[in-house]
Amino acid sequence: MKKGFLLIFCFVFLLLPVIPQRVVDLETMRGQPITVTIEGAVLQPQTLTCAPYTQLGEVLAQVELAEDADLTPFSMTMTLKDNDVIRIPQLQSTPRISINTATLEQLMQLPGIGQATAQKIVDYRAEHGLFQQLEDLMQVPGIKQKKWDALKDFICL
């Protein structure tokens, strides 16, 4: 047993220099700007260049929103990634239900959400914390693209 371990250790130790290794300069990567596009309920759609780890609230401060812009689906602290496209929806007359704070009964008012799925949403929140994006709702078991498409206009964070 000891001999086998020693043999494996020597093999790995001798093979390690042969394995190609890629050196990444983190300082260079940190400085790379990202590009973010804001469209929808804005006076003029814009593509902005900003620093990595920029939050949505910082970018929206640089854009003129339309009067009927609805920011409730978004977390202003959401960290943006390169090539993100943020579509700002227009306000609707129907109030939205917060997937982060809604009770079981409130969730059951959503189209296609019964008691079992509402409980799964509550359980998911309890285990994973608040949803960071509306699309995160599709991580809940039983909520796939078709159900998401039916829900997205009725929910907010």
C-alpha atoms as a PDB file:
ATOM      1  CA  MET A   1       0.000   0.000   0.000  1.00  0.00           C
ATOM      2  CA  LYS A   2       2.776   2.393   0.984  1.00  0.00           C
ATOM      3  CA  LYS A   3       4.727   1.470  -2.141  1.00  0.00           C
ATOM      4  CA  GLY A   4       1.679   2.175  -4.366  1.00  0.00           C
ATOM      5  CA  PHE A   5       1.142   5.589  -2.772  1.00  0.00           C
ATOM      6  CA  LEU A   6       4.820   6.439  -3.249  1.00  0.00           C
ATOM      7  CA  LEU A   7       4.650   5.357  -6.881  1.00  0.00           C
ATOM      8  CA  ILE A   8       1.583   7.545  -7.541  1.00  0.00           C
ATOM      9  CA  PHE A   9       3.188  10.494  -5.762  1.00  0.00           C
ATOM     10  CA  CYS A  10       6.380  10.185  -7.847  1.00  0.00           C
ATOM     11  CA  PHE A  11       4.372   9.852 -11.066  1.00  0.00           C
ATOM     12  CA  VAL A  12       2.347  13.002 -10.298  1.00  0.00           C
ATOM     13  CA  PHE A  13       5.436  14.897  -9.136  1.00  0.00           C
ATOM     14  CA  LEU A  14       7.341  14.012 -12.319  1.00  0.00           C
ATOM     15  CA  LEU A  15       4.355  14.648 -14.618  1.00  0.00           C
ATOM     16  CA  LEU A  16       3.405  18.020 -13.104  1.00  0.00           C
ATOM     17  CA  PRO A  17       6.016  20.082 -14.987  1.00  0.00           C
ATOM     18  CA  VAL A  18       4.851  18.510 -18.277  1.00  0.00           C
ATOM     19  CA  ILE A  19       1.207  19.611 -17.828  1.00  0.00           C
ATOM     20  CA  PRO A  20       0.719  22.936 -19.654  1.00  0.00           C
ATOM     21  CA  GLN A  21      -0.061  25.704 -17.234  1.00  0.00           C
ATOM     22  CA  ARG A  22      -1.679  28.999 -18.124  1.00  0.00           C
ATOM     23  CA  VAL A  23      -0.632  32.048 -16.173  1.00  0.00           C
ATOM     24  CA  VAL A  24      -3.396  34.624 -15.792  1.00  0.00           C
ATOM     25  CA  ASP A  25      -2.551  38.172 -14.766  1.00  0.00           C
ATOM     26  CA  LEU A  26      -5.479  39.069 -12.497  1.00  0.00           C
ATOM     27  CA  GLU A  27      -4.516  42.745 -12.373  1.00  0.00           C
ATOM     28  CA  THR A  28      -4.859  42.986 -16.152  1.00  0.00           C
ATOM     29  CA  MET A  29      -8.212  41.174 -16.108  1.00  0.00           C
ATOM     30  CA  ARG A  30      -9.605  43.401 -13.354  1.00  0.00           C
ATOM     31  CA  GLY A  31      -9.080  46.480 -15.461  1.00  0.00           C
ATOM     32  CA  GLN A  32     -10.913  45.220 -18.539  1.00  0.00           C
ATOM     33  CA  PRO A  33     -14.035  47.352 -19.093  1.00  0.00           C
ATOM     34  CA  ILE A  34     -17.406  45.724 -19.701  1.00  0.00           C
ATOM     35  CA  THR A  35     -20.130  46.745 -22.134  1.00  0.00           C
ATOM     36  CA  VAL A  36     -23.763  46.915 -21.009  1.00  0.00           C
ATOM     37  CA  THR A  37     -26.814  47.785 -23.114  1.00  0.00           C
ATOM     38  CA  ILE A  38     -29.870  49.448 -21.562  1.00  0.00           C
ATOM     39  CA  GLU A  39     -33.079  49.403 -23.601  1.00  0.00           C
ATOM     40  CA  GLY A  40     -36.834  49.356 -23.201  1.00  0.00           C
ATOM     41  CA  ALA A  41     -38.506  52.127 -21.182  1.00  0.00           C
ATOM     42  CA  VAL A  42     -35.648  54.609 -21.641  1.00  0.00           C
ATOM     43  CA  LEU A  43     -35.655  57.828 -23.624  1.00  0.00           C
ATOM     44  CA  GLN A  44     -32.793  56.560 -25.753  1.00  0.00           C
ATOM     45  CA  PRO A  45     -31.355  53.023 -25.720  1.00  0.00           C
ATOM     46  CA  GLN A  46     -27.661  53.114 -24.886  1.00  0.00           C
ATOM     47  CA  THR A  47     -24.656  50.862 -24.824  1.00  0.00           C
ATOM     48  CA  LEU A  48     -22.346  51.899 -22.020  1.00  0.00           C
ATOM     49  CA  THR A  49     -18.784  50.951 -21.188  1.00  0.00           C
ATOM     50  CA  CYS A  50     -18.102  50.628 -17.478  1.00  0.00           C
ATOM     51  CA  ALA A  51     -15.746  49.089 -14.976  1.00  0.00           C
ATOM     52  CA  PRO A  52     -16.020  45.421 -13.995  1.00  0.00           C
ATOM     53  CA  TYR A  53     -18.290  44.718 -11.029  1.00  0.00           C
ATOM     54  CA  THR A  54     -20.445  47.759 -11.800  1.00  0.00           C
ATOM     55  CA  GLN A  55     -23.893  47.534 -10.258  1.00  0.00           C
ATOM     56  CA  LEU A  56     -27.144  48.153 -12.112  1.00  0.00           C
ATOM     57  CA  GLY A  57     -27.983  51.242 -10.042  1.00  0.00           C
ATOM     58  CA  GLU A  58     -24.740  52.906 -11.120  1.00  0.00           C
ATOM     59  CA  VAL A  59     -25.511  52.316 -14.805  1.00  0.00           C
ATOM     60  CA  LEU A  60     -29.135  53.444 -14.528  1.00  0.00           C
ATOM     61  CA  ALA A  61     -27.932  56.743 -13.025  1.00  0.00           C
ATOM     62  CA  GLN A  62     -26.354  57.445 -16.435  1.00  0.00           C
ATOM     63  CA  VAL A  63     -29.530  56.737 -18.447  1.00  0.00           C
ATOM     64  CA  GLU A  64     -32.702  58.801 -18.820  1.00  0.00           C
ATOM     65  CA  LEU A  65     -35.633  56.572 -17.936  1.00  0.00           C
ATOM     66  CA  ALA A  66     -39.074  57.014 -19.447  1.00  0.00           C
ATOM     67  CA  GLU A  67     -41.828  58.213 -17.087  1.00  0.00           C
ATOM     68  CA  ASP A  68     -43.459  54.785 -17.149  1.00  0.00           C
ATOM     69  CA  ALA A  69     -40.254  52.822 -16.497  1.00  0.00           C
ATOM     70  CA  ASP A  70     -40.791  49.958 -14.066  1.00  0.00           C
ATOM     71  CA  LEU A  71     -37.680  49.171 -12.030  1.00  0.00           C
ATOM     72  CA  THR A  72     -39.411  46.759  -9.629  1.00  0.00           C
ATOM     73  CA  PRO A  73     -38.150  43.629 -11.448  1.00  0.00           C
ATOM     74  CA  PHE A  74     -34.548  44.618 -10.724  1.00  0.00           C
ATOM     75  CA  SER A  75     -32.183  44.723  -7.796  1.00  0.00           C
ATOM     76  CA  MET A  76     -30.119  47.908  -8.008  1.00  0.00           C
ATOM     77  CA  THR A  77     -27.197  46.037  -6.441  1.00  0.00           C
ATOM     78  CA  MET A  78     -27.139  43.406  -9.202  1.00  0.00           C
ATOM     79  CA  THR A  79     -23.577  43.104 -10.518  1.00  0.00           C
ATOM     80  CA  LEU A  80     -23.453  43.434 -14.288  1.00  0.00           C
ATOM     81  CA  LYS A  81     -21.407  41.241 -16.624  1.00  0.00           C
ATOM     82  CA  ASP A  82     -19.851  41.980 -19.984  1.00  0.00           C
ATOM     83  CA  ASN A  83     -22.425  42.157 -22.805  1.00  0.00           C
ATOM     84  CA  ASP A  84     -25.447  42.208 -20.469  1.00  0.00           C
ATOM     85  CA  VAL A  85     -28.610  43.608 -22.055  1.00  0.00           C
ATOM     86  CA  ILE A  86     -31.017  45.104 -19.532  1.00  0.00           C
ATOM     87  CA  ARG A  87     -34.544  45.667 -20.814  1.00  0.00           C
ATOM     88  CA  ILE A  88     -36.496  48.070 -18.637  1.00  0.00           C
ATOM     89  CA  PRO A  89     -40.221  47.227 -18.789  1.00  0.00           C
ATOM     90  CA  GLN A  90     -43.044  49.743 -18.687  1.00  0.00           C
ATOM     91  CA  LEU A  91     -45.283  50.056 -15.640  1.00  0.00           C
ATOM     92  CA  GLN A  92     -48.427  47.969 -15.757  1.00  0.00           C
ATOM     93  CA  SER A  93     -51.745  48.660 -14.134  1.00  0.00           C
ATOM     94  CA  THR A  94     -51.679  45.193 -12.554  1.00  0.00           C
ATOM     95  CA  PRO A  95     -49.589  45.148  -9.350  1.00  0.00           C
ATOM     96  CA  ARG A  96     -46.790  42.611  -9.275  1.00  0.00           C
ATOM     97  CA  ILE A  97     -46.138  40.073  -6.548  1.00  0.00           C
ATOM     98  CA  SER A  98     -42.675  40.016  -4.982  1.00  0.00           C
ATOM     99  CA  ILE A  99     -41.114  36.575  -5.199  1.00  0.00           C
ATOM    100  CA  ASN A 100     -38.802  37.584  -2.334  1.00  0.00           C
ATOM    101  CA  THR A 101     -41.445  38.626   0.192  1.00  0.00           C
ATOM    102  CA  ALA A 102     -44.748  37.051  -0.887  1.00  0.00           C
ATOM    103  CA  THR A 103     -46.533  34.693   1.450  1.00  0.00           C
ATOM    104  CA  LEU A 104     -47.708  31.254   0.373  1.00  0.00           C
ATOM    105  CA  GLU A 105     -51.213  32.665  -0.208  1.00  0.00           C
ATOM    106  CA  GLN A 106     -49.918  35.582  -2.305  1.00  0.00           C
ATOM    107  CA  LEU A 107     -47.808  33.267  -4.469  1.00  0.00           C
ATOM    108  CA  MET A 108     -50.876  31.101  -5.098  1.00  0.00           C
ATOM    109  CA  GLN A 109     -52.539  34.124  -6.782  1.00  0.00           C
ATOM    110  CA  LEU A 110     -50.022  33.882  -9.625  1.00  0.00           C
ATOM    111  CA  PRO A 111     -51.136  32.110 -12.812  1.00  0.00           C
ATOM    112  CA  GLY A 112     -50.260  28.417 -12.776  1.00  0.00           C
ATOM    113  CA  ILE A 113     -49.005  28.425  -9.174  1.00  0.00           C
ATOM    114  CA  GLY A 114     -50.802  26.083  -6.824  1.00  0.00           C
ATOM    115  CA  GLN A 115     -50.080  25.314  -3.201  1.00  0.00           C
ATOM    116  CA  ALA A 116     -47.326  22.783  -3.979  1.00  0.00           C
ATOM    117  CA  THR A 117     -45.362  25.115  -6.274  1.00  0.00           C
ATOM    118  CA  ALA A 118     -45.873  28.073  -3.932  1.00  0.00           C
ATOM    119  CA  GLN A 119     -44.435  25.973  -1.108  1.00  0.00           C
ATOM    120  CA  LYS A 120     -41.444  25.064  -3.286  1.00  0.00           C
ATOM    121  CA  ILE A 121     -40.789  28.790  -3.870  1.00  0.00           C
ATOM    122  CA  VAL A 122     -40.957  29.509  -0.130  1.00  0.00           C
ATOM    123  CA  ASP A 123     -38.693  26.519   0.610  1.00  0.00           C
ATOM    124  CA  TYR A 124     -36.206  27.595  -2.063  1.00  0.00           C
ATOM    125  CA  ARG A 125     -36.059  31.100  -0.551  1.00  0.00           C
ATOM    126  CA  ALA A 126     -35.479  29.654   2.899  1.00  0.00           C
ATOM    127  CA  GLU A 127     -32.634  27.451   1.668  1.00  0.00           C
ATOM    128  CA  HIS A 128     -30.925  29.760  -0.857  1.00  0.00           C
ATOM    129  CA  GLY A 129     -31.843  33.279   0.295  1.00  0.00           C
ATOM    130  CA  LEU A 130     -33.538  36.014  -1.700  1.00  0.00           C
ATOM    131  CA  PHE A 131     -33.767  35.806  -5.464  1.00  0.00           C
ATOM    132  CA  GLN A 132     -31.203  38.073  -7.141  1.00  0.00           C
ATOM    133  CA  GLN A 133     -32.883  38.107 -10.565  1.00  0.00           C
ATOM    134  CA  LEU A 134     -36.396  37.219 -11.655  1.00  0.00           C
ATOM    135  CA  GLU A 135     -34.987  34.464 -13.869  1.00  0.00           C
ATOM    136  CA  ASP A 136     -33.636  32.738 -10.743  1.00  0.00           C
ATOM    137  CA  LEU A 137     -37.209  31.559 -10.168  1.00  0.00           C
ATOM    138  CA  MET A 138     -36.521  28.903 -12.814  1.00  0.00           C
ATOM    139  CA  GLN A 139     -34.133  27.267 -10.311  1.00  0.00           C
ATOM    140  CA  VAL A 140     -37.183  26.245  -8.256  1.00  0.00           C
ATOM    141  CA  PRO A 141     -38.167  22.651  -9.048  1.00  0.00           C
ATOM    142  CA  GLY A 142     -41.240  22.597 -11.284  1.00  0.00           C
ATOM    143  CA  ILE A 143     -40.751  26.051 -12.801  1.00  0.00           C
ATOM    144  CA  LYS A 144     -39.402  25.761 -16.312  1.00  0.00           C
ATOM    145  CA  GLN A 145     -39.484  28.079 -19.336  1.00  0.00           C
ATOM    146  CA  LYS A 146     -43.200  27.668 -20.129  1.00  0.00           C
ATOM    147  CA  LYS A 147     -44.324  28.465 -16.588  1.00  0.00           C
ATOM    148  CA  TRP A 148     -41.746  31.278 -16.365  1.00  0.00           C
ATOM    149  CA  ASP A 149     -43.163  32.882 -19.524  1.00  0.00           C
ATOM    150  CA  ALA A 150     -46.635  32.867 -17.949  1.00  0.00           C
ATOM    151  CA  LEU A 151     -45.336  34.376 -14.668  1.00  0.00           C
ATOM    152  CA  LYS A 152     -42.766  36.993 -15.653  1.00  0.00           C
ATOM    153  CA  ASP A 153     -45.260  39.833 -16.184  1.00  0.00           C
ATOM    154  CA  PHE A 154     -46.824  39.312 -12.745  1.00  0.00           C
ATOM    155  CA  ILE A 155     -43.762  39.147 -10.498  1.00  0.00           C
ATOM    156  CA  CYS A 156     -41.025  41.396  -9.163  1.00  0.00           C
ATOM    157  CA  LEU A 157     -38.145  41.050  -6.717  1.00  0.00           C
END
